[in-house]
């Protein structure tokens, strides 16, 4: 729309080039003078004033009219498209066909470059265990059956405190991902 408006103003300028140049060179307010003399809009007048005089002289009427006609035709097509839903769907279908021609599975661009392999068997994978970071811990069991874990492999447990008259029964090293069976085996060894 903007370009159409500008082109219409440029065609007027071309047809009255000598007068436009005279106004630009001599008028106190050339913008207002152009607007009133040729019935130009603000956009058109600004565009003309921003164009160099040399550029105005080089304008070709045929080129301006051709570009104006092409843009006017495109504008009519777009307005027709906006007013008709059936035309919109036809245009979309045509665009999709073009995309399929260009990017379809049989084209160089659209051809798949990778293949699908067999997915890994994850039936026996411990998902919860995979989410736990593997770190060393020390498992401490008291005489009254309280269990706690200490970070790292702690050798000296002499400073460890218990509630009331409870004392250390057993301690062993493990990891945060160790299975319960490991702790049970150590517990059985302690009670044996």
N, C-alpha and C. Protein backbone atom coordinates (compact mmCIF):
# COMPACT_ATOMS: atom_id res chain seq x y z
N UNK A 1 0.82 -1.19 0.00
CA UNK A 1 0.00 0.00 0.00
C UNK A 1 0.87 1.26 0.00
N UNK A 2 1.89 1.24 0.85
CA UNK A 2 2.78 2.41 0.94
C UNK A 2 3.47 2.65 -0.40
N UNK A 3 3.98 1.56 -0.97
CA UNK A 3 4.70 1.70 -2.25
C UNK A 3 3.76 2.18 -3.35
N UNK A 4 2.52 1.72 -3.35
CA UNK A 4 1.55 2.19 -4.34
C UNK A 4 1.33 3.69 -4.21
N UNK A 5 1.20 4.15 -2.99
CA UNK A 5 0.99 5.58 -2.75
C UNK A 5 2.20 6.39 -3.24
N UNK A 6 3.39 5.89 -2.94
CA UNK A 6 4.61 6.57 -3.37
C UNK A 6 4.71 6.61 -4.88
N UNK A 7 4.41 5.47 -5.53
CA UNK A 7 4.48 5.41 -7.00
C UNK A 7 3.50 6.37 -7.65
N UNK A 8 2.31 6.48 -7.09
CA UNK A 8 1.33 7.42 -7.65
C UNK A 8 1.89 8.85 -7.59
N UNK A 9 2.53 9.19 -6.49
CA UNK A 9 3.13 10.51 -6.37
C UNK A 9 4.29 10.70 -7.34
N UNK A 10 5.10 9.66 -7.54
CA UNK A 10 6.23 9.75 -8.45
C UNK A 10 5.78 9.90 -9.90
N UNK A 11 4.67 9.28 -10.25
CA UNK A 11 4.14 9.45 -11.61
C UNK A 11 3.71 10.91 -11.82
N UNK A 12 3.07 11.48 -10.83
CA UNK A 12 2.69 12.89 -10.91
C UNK A 12 3.94 13.76 -11.07
N UNK A 13 4.99 13.44 -10.30
CA UNK A 13 6.23 14.20 -10.38
C UNK A 13 6.82 14.08 -11.78
N UNK A 14 6.82 12.90 -12.34
CA UNK A 14 7.41 12.71 -13.66
C UNK A 14 6.68 13.53 -14.71
N UNK A 15 5.36 13.55 -14.61
CA UNK A 15 4.58 14.29 -15.59
C UNK A 15 4.75 15.80 -15.45
N UNK A 16 5.18 16.27 -14.27
CA UNK A 16 5.34 17.71 -14.01
C UNK A 16 6.74 17.99 -13.47
N UNK A 17 7.72 17.34 -14.01
CA UNK A 17 9.06 17.37 -13.46
C UNK A 17 9.65 18.78 -13.36
N UNK A 18 9.53 19.57 -14.39
CA UNK A 18 10.12 20.92 -14.35
C UNK A 18 9.48 21.78 -13.27
N UNK A 19 8.17 21.70 -13.14
CA UNK A 19 7.46 22.49 -12.12
C UNK A 19 7.86 22.01 -10.72
N UNK A 20 7.98 20.68 -10.52
CA UNK A 20 8.36 20.12 -9.21
C UNK A 20 9.75 20.61 -8.82
N UNK A 21 10.69 20.56 -9.76
CA UNK A 21 12.05 21.01 -9.48
C UNK A 21 12.06 22.51 -9.14
N UNK A 22 11.27 23.27 -9.85
CA UNK A 22 11.18 24.71 -9.57
C UNK A 22 10.64 24.94 -8.16
N UNK A 23 9.61 24.20 -7.76
CA UNK A 23 9.04 24.35 -6.41
C UNK A 23 10.07 23.98 -5.35
N UNK A 24 10.78 22.90 -5.58
CA UNK A 24 11.78 22.45 -4.59
C UNK A 24 12.88 23.48 -4.43
N UNK A 25 13.31 24.08 -5.52
CA UNK A 25 14.41 25.05 -5.47
C UNK A 25 13.98 26.41 -4.95
N UNK A 26 12.77 26.84 -5.24
CA UNK A 26 12.40 28.24 -4.98
C UNK A 26 11.38 28.45 -3.86
N UNK A 27 10.55 27.51 -3.55
CA UNK A 27 9.48 27.71 -2.57
C UNK A 27 10.04 27.78 -1.15
N UNK A 28 9.38 28.61 -0.31
CA UNK A 28 9.78 28.70 1.09
C UNK A 28 9.41 27.43 1.83
N UNK A 29 8.23 26.89 1.55
CA UNK A 29 7.78 25.63 2.15
C UNK A 29 7.46 24.67 1.01
N UNK A 30 8.50 24.00 0.47
CA UNK A 30 8.27 23.17 -0.71
C UNK A 30 7.30 22.01 -0.47
N UNK A 31 7.29 21.48 0.73
CA UNK A 31 6.38 20.36 1.00
C UNK A 31 4.93 20.80 0.86
N UNK A 32 4.58 21.89 1.49
CA UNK A 32 3.20 22.38 1.43
C UNK A 32 2.85 22.79 0.00
N UNK A 33 3.77 23.40 -0.68
CA UNK A 33 3.54 23.84 -2.07
C UNK A 33 3.28 22.62 -2.97
N UNK A 34 4.08 21.55 -2.80
CA UNK A 34 3.88 20.32 -3.59
C UNK A 34 2.51 19.70 -3.29
N UNK A 35 2.17 19.67 -2.00
CA UNK A 35 0.89 19.06 -1.60
C UNK A 35 -0.29 19.81 -2.22
N UNK A 36 -0.25 21.14 -2.19
CA UNK A 36 -1.38 21.91 -2.71
C UNK A 36 -1.37 21.96 -4.24
N UNK A 37 -0.21 22.06 -4.85
CA UNK A 37 -0.14 22.17 -6.32
C UNK A 37 -0.55 20.88 -7.02
N UNK A 38 -0.17 19.74 -6.45
CA UNK A 38 -0.40 18.46 -7.14
C UNK A 38 -1.32 17.52 -6.37
N UNK A 39 -1.93 18.02 -5.31
CA UNK A 39 -2.83 17.21 -4.49
C UNK A 39 -2.14 15.92 -4.02
N UNK A 40 -0.96 16.10 -3.42
CA UNK A 40 -0.16 14.97 -2.92
C UNK A 40 -0.44 14.75 -1.43
N UNK A 41 -0.25 13.53 -0.99
CA UNK A 41 -0.37 13.23 0.43
C UNK A 41 0.94 13.60 1.14
N UNK A 42 0.91 13.53 2.46
CA UNK A 42 2.10 13.82 3.27
C UNK A 42 3.22 12.84 2.91
N UNK A 43 2.87 11.56 2.78
CA UNK A 43 3.85 10.52 2.45
C UNK A 43 4.49 10.80 1.09
N UNK A 44 3.66 11.12 0.12
CA UNK A 44 4.16 11.38 -1.24
C UNK A 44 5.09 12.60 -1.25
N UNK A 45 4.69 13.66 -0.60
CA UNK A 45 5.50 14.88 -0.57
C UNK A 45 6.83 14.63 0.12
N UNK A 46 6.80 13.92 1.23
CA UNK A 46 8.05 13.60 1.94
C UNK A 46 8.98 12.76 1.07
N UNK A 47 8.42 11.78 0.37
CA UNK A 47 9.23 10.91 -0.49
C UNK A 47 9.88 11.73 -1.61
N UNK A 48 9.12 12.60 -2.21
CA UNK A 48 9.65 13.43 -3.30
C UNK A 48 10.77 14.33 -2.79
N UNK A 49 10.56 14.94 -1.63
CA UNK A 49 11.59 15.82 -1.07
C UNK A 49 12.84 15.06 -0.63
N UNK A 50 12.67 13.80 -0.25
CA UNK A 50 13.81 12.99 0.16
C UNK A 50 14.59 12.44 -1.03
N UNK A 51 14.00 12.47 -2.22
CA UNK A 51 14.66 11.99 -3.43
C UNK A 51 15.54 13.11 -3.98
N UNK A 52 16.75 12.77 -4.39
CA UNK A 52 17.66 13.77 -4.97
C UNK A 52 17.10 14.27 -6.30
N UNK A 53 17.41 15.50 -6.63
CA UNK A 53 16.94 16.08 -7.90
C UNK A 53 17.45 15.27 -9.08
N UNK A 54 18.69 14.77 -8.97
CA UNK A 54 19.22 13.93 -10.04
C UNK A 54 18.37 12.69 -10.22
N UNK A 55 17.95 12.15 -9.08
CA UNK A 55 17.09 10.95 -9.12
C UNK A 55 15.75 11.25 -9.76
N UNK A 56 15.22 12.44 -9.51
CA UNK A 56 13.94 12.82 -10.11
C UNK A 56 14.07 12.92 -11.63
N UNK A 57 15.19 13.43 -12.10
CA UNK A 57 15.39 13.58 -13.55
C UNK A 57 15.51 12.22 -14.24
N UNK A 58 16.02 11.24 -13.55
CA UNK A 58 16.25 9.93 -14.17
C UNK A 58 15.00 9.04 -14.18
N UNK A 59 13.96 9.48 -13.56
CA UNK A 59 12.75 8.66 -13.51
C UNK A 59 12.26 8.31 -14.91
N UNK A 60 11.85 7.10 -15.04
CA UNK A 60 11.29 6.68 -16.32
C UNK A 60 9.81 6.40 -16.12
N UNK A 61 9.01 7.05 -16.88
CA UNK A 61 7.56 6.91 -16.74
C UNK A 61 7.12 5.47 -16.94
N UNK A 62 7.67 4.80 -17.95
CA UNK A 62 7.25 3.43 -18.24
C UNK A 62 7.58 2.49 -17.08
N UNK A 63 8.74 2.68 -16.51
CA UNK A 63 9.15 1.85 -15.38
C UNK A 63 8.22 2.09 -14.18
N UNK A 64 7.92 3.35 -13.91
CA UNK A 64 7.02 3.69 -12.81
C UNK A 64 5.63 3.12 -13.03
N UNK A 65 5.12 3.28 -14.24
CA UNK A 65 3.77 2.77 -14.54
C UNK A 65 3.73 1.24 -14.46
N UNK A 66 4.79 0.58 -14.93
CA UNK A 66 4.84 -0.89 -14.88
C UNK A 66 4.81 -1.37 -13.43
N UNK A 67 5.67 -0.78 -12.59
CA UNK A 67 5.70 -1.17 -11.18
C UNK A 67 4.36 -0.85 -10.51
N UNK A 68 3.78 0.28 -10.83
CA UNK A 68 2.48 0.65 -10.28
C UNK A 68 1.41 -0.35 -10.68
N UNK A 69 1.39 -0.75 -11.95
CA UNK A 69 0.40 -1.72 -12.43
C UNK A 69 0.57 -3.08 -11.75
N UNK A 70 1.82 -3.52 -11.60
CA UNK A 70 2.08 -4.81 -10.95
C UNK A 70 1.60 -4.79 -9.51
N UNK A 71 1.92 -3.71 -8.80
CA UNK A 71 1.50 -3.62 -7.40
C UNK A 71 -0.02 -3.49 -7.27
N UNK A 72 -0.63 -2.77 -8.17
CA UNK A 72 -2.09 -2.63 -8.13
C UNK A 72 -2.75 -3.98 -8.38
N UNK A 73 -2.20 -4.75 -9.33
CA UNK A 73 -2.73 -6.08 -9.61
C UNK A 73 -2.58 -6.99 -8.39
N UNK A 74 -1.40 -6.95 -7.77
CA UNK A 74 -1.17 -7.76 -6.57
C UNK A 74 -2.13 -7.36 -5.45
N UNK A 75 -2.37 -6.06 -5.32
CA UNK A 75 -3.30 -5.57 -4.29
C UNK A 75 -4.71 -6.11 -4.54
N UNK A 76 -5.16 -6.07 -5.83
CA UNK A 76 -6.49 -6.59 -6.16
C UNK A 76 -6.59 -8.08 -5.85
N UNK A 77 -5.53 -8.83 -6.18
CA UNK A 77 -5.53 -10.27 -5.90
C UNK A 77 -5.61 -10.54 -4.40
N UNK A 78 -4.86 -9.79 -3.62
CA UNK A 78 -4.87 -9.99 -2.17
C UNK A 78 -6.22 -9.62 -1.59
N UNK A 79 -6.81 -8.51 -2.06
CA UNK A 79 -8.13 -8.12 -1.58
C UNK A 79 -9.17 -9.15 -1.98
N UNK A 80 -9.06 -9.71 -3.19
CA UNK A 80 -9.97 -10.77 -3.62
C UNK A 80 -9.81 -12.02 -2.78
N UNK A 81 -8.58 -12.32 -2.42
CA UNK A 81 -8.28 -13.48 -1.59
C UNK A 81 -8.86 -13.31 -0.18
N UNK A 82 -8.72 -12.11 0.35
CA UNK A 82 -9.24 -11.84 1.69
C UNK A 82 -10.75 -11.93 1.75
N UNK A 83 -11.41 -11.65 0.65
CA UNK A 83 -12.87 -11.65 0.63
C UNK A 83 -13.49 -12.99 0.29
N UNK A 84 -12.71 -14.01 -0.04
CA UNK A 84 -13.27 -15.29 -0.48
C UNK A 84 -12.53 -16.44 0.19
N UNK A 85 -13.21 -17.13 1.10
CA UNK A 85 -12.59 -18.22 1.85
C UNK A 85 -12.20 -19.38 0.93
N UNK A 86 -13.00 -19.66 -0.08
CA UNK A 86 -12.68 -20.75 -1.01
C UNK A 86 -11.36 -20.46 -1.74
N UNK A 87 -11.16 -19.21 -2.15
CA UNK A 87 -9.90 -18.82 -2.80
C UNK A 87 -8.72 -18.97 -1.84
N UNK A 88 -8.96 -18.66 -0.57
CA UNK A 88 -7.90 -18.80 0.42
C UNK A 88 -7.44 -20.25 0.51
N UNK A 89 -8.42 -21.17 0.58
CA UNK A 89 -8.07 -22.59 0.69
C UNK A 89 -7.38 -23.09 -0.58
N UNK A 90 -7.80 -22.59 -1.73
CA UNK A 90 -7.13 -22.96 -2.98
C UNK A 90 -5.69 -22.47 -2.98
N UNK A 91 -5.48 -21.25 -2.51
CA UNK A 91 -4.13 -20.70 -2.44
C UNK A 91 -3.26 -21.50 -1.48
N UNK A 92 -3.83 -21.88 -0.34
CA UNK A 92 -3.08 -22.68 0.64
C UNK A 92 -2.72 -24.04 0.04
N UNK A 93 -3.69 -24.67 -0.64
CA UNK A 93 -3.42 -25.97 -1.27
C UNK A 93 -2.31 -25.86 -2.31
N UNK A 94 -2.34 -24.80 -3.10
CA UNK A 94 -1.29 -24.60 -4.12
C UNK A 94 0.07 -24.40 -3.46
N UNK A 95 0.11 -23.65 -2.37
CA UNK A 95 1.37 -23.44 -1.67
C UNK A 95 1.90 -24.74 -1.07
N UNK A 96 1.00 -25.56 -0.55
CA UNK A 96 1.41 -26.85 0.02
C UNK A 96 1.97 -27.76 -1.08
N UNK A 97 1.32 -27.76 -2.26
CA UNK A 97 1.83 -28.56 -3.38
C UNK A 97 3.24 -28.11 -3.77
N UNK A 98 3.44 -26.79 -3.80
CA UNK A 98 4.77 -26.27 -4.13
C UNK A 98 5.81 -26.71 -3.09
N UNK A 99 5.42 -26.66 -1.83
CA UNK A 99 6.34 -27.09 -0.77
C UNK A 99 6.67 -28.57 -0.89
N UNK A 100 5.66 -29.37 -1.24
CA UNK A 100 5.90 -30.81 -1.42
C UNK A 100 6.85 -31.06 -2.58
N UNK A 101 6.68 -30.29 -3.66
CA UNK A 101 7.59 -30.45 -4.80
C UNK A 101 9.03 -30.11 -4.40
N UNK A 102 9.17 -29.08 -3.59
CA UNK A 102 10.50 -28.61 -3.22
C UNK A 102 11.12 -29.44 -2.10
N UNK A 103 10.31 -29.82 -1.10
CA UNK A 103 10.84 -30.48 0.09
C UNK A 103 10.30 -31.88 0.31
N UNK A 104 9.65 -32.46 -0.68
CA UNK A 104 9.07 -33.79 -0.53
C UNK A 104 10.12 -34.86 -0.27
N UNK A 105 9.70 -36.06 0.13
CA UNK A 105 10.64 -37.13 0.47
C UNK A 105 11.49 -37.61 -0.71
N UNK A 106 11.07 -37.32 -1.93
CA UNK A 106 11.82 -37.76 -3.10
C UNK A 106 12.81 -36.72 -3.60
N UNK A 107 12.83 -35.55 -2.98
CA UNK A 107 13.75 -34.49 -3.43
C UNK A 107 15.05 -34.57 -2.64
N UNK A 108 16.07 -33.93 -3.17
CA UNK A 108 17.38 -33.94 -2.51
C UNK A 108 17.30 -33.29 -1.12
N UNK A 109 16.57 -32.18 -1.05
CA UNK A 109 16.45 -31.46 0.22
C UNK A 109 15.59 -32.24 1.22
N UNK A 110 14.52 -32.86 0.75
CA UNK A 110 13.57 -33.50 1.65
C UNK A 110 13.87 -34.95 1.98
N UNK A 111 14.81 -35.56 1.28
CA UNK A 111 15.12 -36.97 1.53
C UNK A 111 15.68 -37.14 2.93
N UNK A 112 15.25 -38.19 3.61
CA UNK A 112 15.69 -38.46 4.97
C UNK A 112 17.16 -38.87 4.95
N UNK A 113 17.94 -38.26 5.84
CA UNK A 113 19.37 -38.55 5.88
C UNK A 113 19.74 -39.52 7.00
N UNK A 114 18.80 -39.80 7.88
CA UNK A 114 19.05 -40.74 8.97
C UNK A 114 18.06 -41.87 8.87
N UNK A 115 18.30 -42.92 9.61
CA UNK A 115 17.37 -44.06 9.58
C UNK A 115 16.89 -44.33 11.00
N UNK A 116 15.79 -45.03 11.07
CA UNK A 116 15.25 -45.41 12.36
C UNK A 116 15.86 -46.74 12.76
N UNK A 117 16.44 -46.81 13.93
CA UNK A 117 16.99 -48.06 14.44
C UNK A 117 16.01 -48.68 15.40
N UNK A 118 16.39 -49.83 15.92
CA UNK A 118 15.56 -50.51 16.91
C UNK A 118 15.72 -49.80 18.25
N UNK A 119 14.64 -49.54 18.93
CA UNK A 119 14.76 -48.87 20.24
C UNK A 119 15.41 -49.82 21.25
N UNK A 120 16.16 -49.31 22.20
CA UNK A 120 16.79 -50.18 23.19
C UNK A 120 15.75 -50.79 24.11
N UNK A 121 16.06 -51.97 24.63
CA UNK A 121 15.16 -52.65 25.56
C UNK A 121 15.34 -52.03 26.94
N UNK A 122 14.32 -51.35 27.41
CA UNK A 122 14.43 -50.67 28.71
C UNK A 122 13.53 -51.32 29.75
N UNK A 123 13.06 -52.53 29.47
CA UNK A 123 12.16 -53.20 30.40
C UNK A 123 12.85 -53.46 31.74
N UNK A 124 14.14 -53.77 31.74
CA UNK A 124 14.85 -54.11 32.97
C UNK A 124 15.69 -52.95 33.51
N UNK A 125 15.50 -51.77 32.99
CA UNK A 125 16.28 -50.61 33.45
C UNK A 125 15.61 -49.99 34.66
N UNK A 126 16.40 -49.72 35.67
CA UNK A 126 15.90 -49.07 36.88
C UNK A 126 15.92 -47.57 36.66
N UNK A 127 14.76 -47.02 36.28
CA UNK A 127 14.67 -45.59 35.96
C UNK A 127 14.96 -44.73 37.20
N UNK A 128 14.42 -45.12 38.34
CA UNK A 128 14.63 -44.34 39.56
C UNK A 128 16.11 -44.33 39.93
N UNK A 129 16.78 -45.47 39.79
CA UNK A 129 18.20 -45.56 40.10
C UNK A 129 19.05 -44.72 39.16
N UNK A 130 18.60 -44.61 37.92
CA UNK A 130 19.34 -43.82 36.94
C UNK A 130 19.28 -42.34 37.27
N UNK A 131 18.28 -41.92 38.01
CA UNK A 131 18.11 -40.51 38.35
C UNK A 131 18.89 -40.12 39.61
N UNK A 132 19.44 -41.10 40.34
CA UNK A 132 20.16 -40.84 41.59
C UNK A 132 21.65 -40.76 41.29
N UNK A 133 22.30 -39.74 41.78
CA UNK A 133 23.74 -39.59 41.57
C UNK A 133 24.48 -40.60 42.43
N UNK A 134 25.48 -41.24 41.86
CA UNK A 134 26.24 -42.28 42.56
C UNK A 134 27.27 -41.60 43.47
N UNK A 135 27.08 -41.76 44.80
CA UNK A 135 27.98 -41.17 45.78
C UNK A 135 28.22 -42.19 46.90
N UNK A 136 29.40 -42.15 47.51
CA UNK A 136 29.66 -43.05 48.64
C UNK A 136 28.93 -42.56 49.89
N UNK A 137 28.43 -43.51 50.69
CA UNK A 137 27.78 -43.20 51.96
C UNK A 137 28.21 -44.24 52.99
N UNK A 138 28.07 -43.88 54.27
CA UNK A 138 28.31 -44.83 55.36
C UNK A 138 26.98 -45.07 56.03
N UNK A 139 26.58 -46.34 56.10
CA UNK A 139 25.31 -46.71 56.74
C UNK A 139 25.62 -47.04 58.19
N UNK A 140 24.87 -46.43 59.10
CA UNK A 140 25.06 -46.61 60.54
C UNK A 140 23.77 -47.18 61.11
N UNK A 141 23.91 -48.31 61.88
CA UNK A 141 22.76 -48.93 62.52
C UNK A 141 23.03 -48.96 64.03
N UNK A 142 22.03 -48.49 64.81
CA UNK A 142 22.22 -48.46 66.27
C UNK A 142 21.70 -49.76 66.89
N UNK A 143 21.97 -49.96 68.17
CA UNK A 143 21.53 -51.14 68.91
C UNK A 143 20.00 -51.21 68.97
N UNK A 144 19.34 -50.08 68.99
CA UNK A 144 17.88 -50.04 69.06
C UNK A 144 17.24 -50.09 67.68
N UNK A 145 18.03 -50.20 66.60
CA UNK A 145 17.49 -50.38 65.26
C UNK A 145 17.35 -49.11 64.42
N UNK A 146 17.85 -48.01 64.94
CA UNK A 146 17.81 -46.77 64.15
C UNK A 146 18.87 -46.84 63.05
N UNK A 147 18.47 -46.39 61.84
CA UNK A 147 19.40 -46.43 60.71
C UNK A 147 19.54 -45.02 60.15
N UNK A 148 20.78 -44.67 59.81
CA UNK A 148 21.00 -43.40 59.15
C UNK A 148 22.19 -43.53 58.19
N UNK A 149 22.26 -42.59 57.25
CA UNK A 149 23.35 -42.59 56.27
C UNK A 149 24.17 -41.33 56.44
N UNK A 150 25.47 -41.48 56.38
CA UNK A 150 26.39 -40.35 56.46
C UNK A 150 27.04 -40.18 55.10
N UNK A 151 27.25 -38.93 54.68
CA UNK A 151 27.89 -38.69 53.39
C UNK A 151 29.34 -39.16 53.43
N UNK A 152 29.76 -39.84 52.37
CA UNK A 152 31.14 -40.29 52.23
C UNK A 152 31.40 -41.55 53.04
N UNK A 153 32.61 -42.08 52.91
CA UNK A 153 33.02 -43.26 53.69
C UNK A 153 33.70 -42.77 54.96
N UNK A 154 32.94 -42.76 56.05
CA UNK A 154 33.43 -42.23 57.32
C UNK A 154 34.06 -43.37 58.12
N UNK A 155 35.38 -43.29 58.38
CA UNK A 155 36.10 -44.33 59.12
C UNK A 155 35.91 -44.16 60.62
N UNK A 156 36.07 -42.95 61.12
CA UNK A 156 36.03 -42.68 62.55
C UNK A 156 34.62 -42.27 62.95
N UNK A 157 33.92 -43.15 63.66
CA UNK A 157 32.55 -42.89 64.11
C UNK A 157 32.50 -42.60 65.61
N UNK A 158 33.64 -42.33 66.22
CA UNK A 158 33.70 -42.11 67.67
C UNK A 158 32.95 -40.84 68.09
N UNK A 159 32.86 -39.87 67.22
CA UNK A 159 32.18 -38.62 67.56
C UNK A 159 30.68 -38.69 67.28
N UNK A 160 30.21 -39.80 66.76
CA UNK A 160 28.80 -39.96 66.42
C UNK A 160 27.97 -40.06 67.69
N UNK A 161 26.86 -39.33 67.73
CA UNK A 161 26.02 -39.33 68.93
C UNK A 161 24.69 -40.01 68.63
N UNK A 162 24.16 -40.65 69.67
CA UNK A 162 22.88 -41.35 69.56
C UNK A 162 21.94 -40.82 70.64
N UNK A 163 20.67 -41.11 70.52
CA UNK A 163 19.68 -40.65 71.50
C UNK A 163 19.71 -41.57 72.73
N UNK A 164 19.61 -40.96 73.85
CA UNK A 164 19.52 -41.70 75.11
C UNK A 164 20.70 -42.63 75.32
N UNK A 165 20.38 -43.90 75.68
CA UNK A 165 21.44 -44.87 75.96
C UNK A 165 21.74 -45.77 74.76
N UNK A 166 21.29 -45.38 73.57
CA UNK A 166 21.51 -46.15 72.34
C UNK A 166 22.98 -46.02 71.93
N UNK A 167 23.54 -47.07 71.32
CA UNK A 167 24.93 -47.07 70.86
C UNK A 167 25.03 -47.65 69.47
N UNK A 168 26.23 -47.58 68.90
CA UNK A 168 26.49 -48.08 67.56
C UNK A 168 26.45 -49.61 67.57
N UNK A 169 25.68 -50.16 66.64
CA UNK A 169 25.63 -51.62 66.50
C UNK A 169 26.54 -52.04 65.34
N UNK A 170 26.35 -51.44 64.19
CA UNK A 170 27.15 -51.79 63.01
C UNK A 170 27.18 -50.61 62.05
N UNK A 171 28.25 -50.53 61.27
CA UNK A 171 28.33 -49.53 60.20
C UNK A 171 29.02 -50.19 59.01
N UNK A 172 28.67 -49.77 57.82
CA UNK A 172 29.32 -50.30 56.62
C UNK A 172 29.23 -49.26 55.51
N UNK A 173 30.12 -49.42 54.54
CA UNK A 173 30.17 -48.50 53.41
C UNK A 173 29.24 -49.00 52.31
N UNK A 174 28.61 -48.04 51.65
CA UNK A 174 27.72 -48.38 50.52
C UNK A 174 27.74 -47.19 49.56
N UNK A 175 26.86 -47.21 48.59
CA UNK A 175 26.69 -46.09 47.65
C UNK A 175 25.22 -45.72 47.62
N UNK A 176 24.94 -44.51 47.17
CA UNK A 176 23.55 -44.06 47.13
C UNK A 176 22.70 -44.90 46.19
N UNK A 177 23.33 -45.62 45.28
CA UNK A 177 22.56 -46.44 44.33
C UNK A 177 22.56 -47.91 44.72
N UNK A 178 23.13 -48.27 45.90
CA UNK A 178 23.16 -49.67 46.34
C UNK A 178 21.75 -50.18 46.55
N UNK A 179 21.54 -51.44 46.21
CA UNK A 179 20.22 -52.06 46.38
C UNK A 179 20.01 -52.44 47.84
N UNK A 180 18.78 -52.64 48.21
CA UNK A 180 18.44 -53.02 49.58
C UNK A 180 19.04 -54.36 49.95
N UNK A 181 19.23 -55.24 48.97
CA UNK A 181 19.77 -56.57 49.27
C UNK A 181 21.17 -56.46 49.85
N UNK A 182 21.95 -55.49 49.44
CA UNK A 182 23.30 -55.27 49.96
C UNK A 182 23.23 -54.97 51.45
N UNK A 183 22.32 -54.06 51.84
CA UNK A 183 22.17 -53.71 53.25
C UNK A 183 21.65 -54.90 54.05
N UNK A 184 20.75 -55.70 53.47
CA UNK A 184 20.21 -56.88 54.18
C UNK A 184 21.31 -57.90 54.46
N UNK A 185 22.19 -58.10 53.45
CA UNK A 185 23.29 -59.06 53.63
C UNK A 185 24.20 -58.62 54.78
N UNK A 186 24.52 -57.34 54.81
CA UNK A 186 25.39 -56.83 55.88
C UNK A 186 24.66 -56.97 57.25
N UNK A 187 23.35 -56.73 57.24
CA UNK A 187 22.57 -56.82 58.48
C UNK A 187 22.53 -58.27 58.96
N UNK A 188 22.38 -59.20 58.03
CA UNK A 188 22.38 -60.64 58.40
C UNK A 188 23.72 -61.04 58.96
N UNK A 189 24.81 -60.52 58.33
CA UNK A 189 26.15 -60.85 58.85
C UNK A 189 26.30 -60.33 60.27
N UNK A 190 25.74 -59.20 60.59
CA UNK A 190 25.86 -58.60 61.90
C UNK A 190 25.10 -59.45 62.94
N UNK A 191 23.91 -59.93 62.58
CA UNK A 191 23.07 -60.66 63.53
C UNK A 191 23.42 -62.15 63.58
N UNK A 192 24.30 -62.60 62.74
CA UNK A 192 24.65 -64.03 62.73
C UNK A 192 25.51 -64.42 63.91
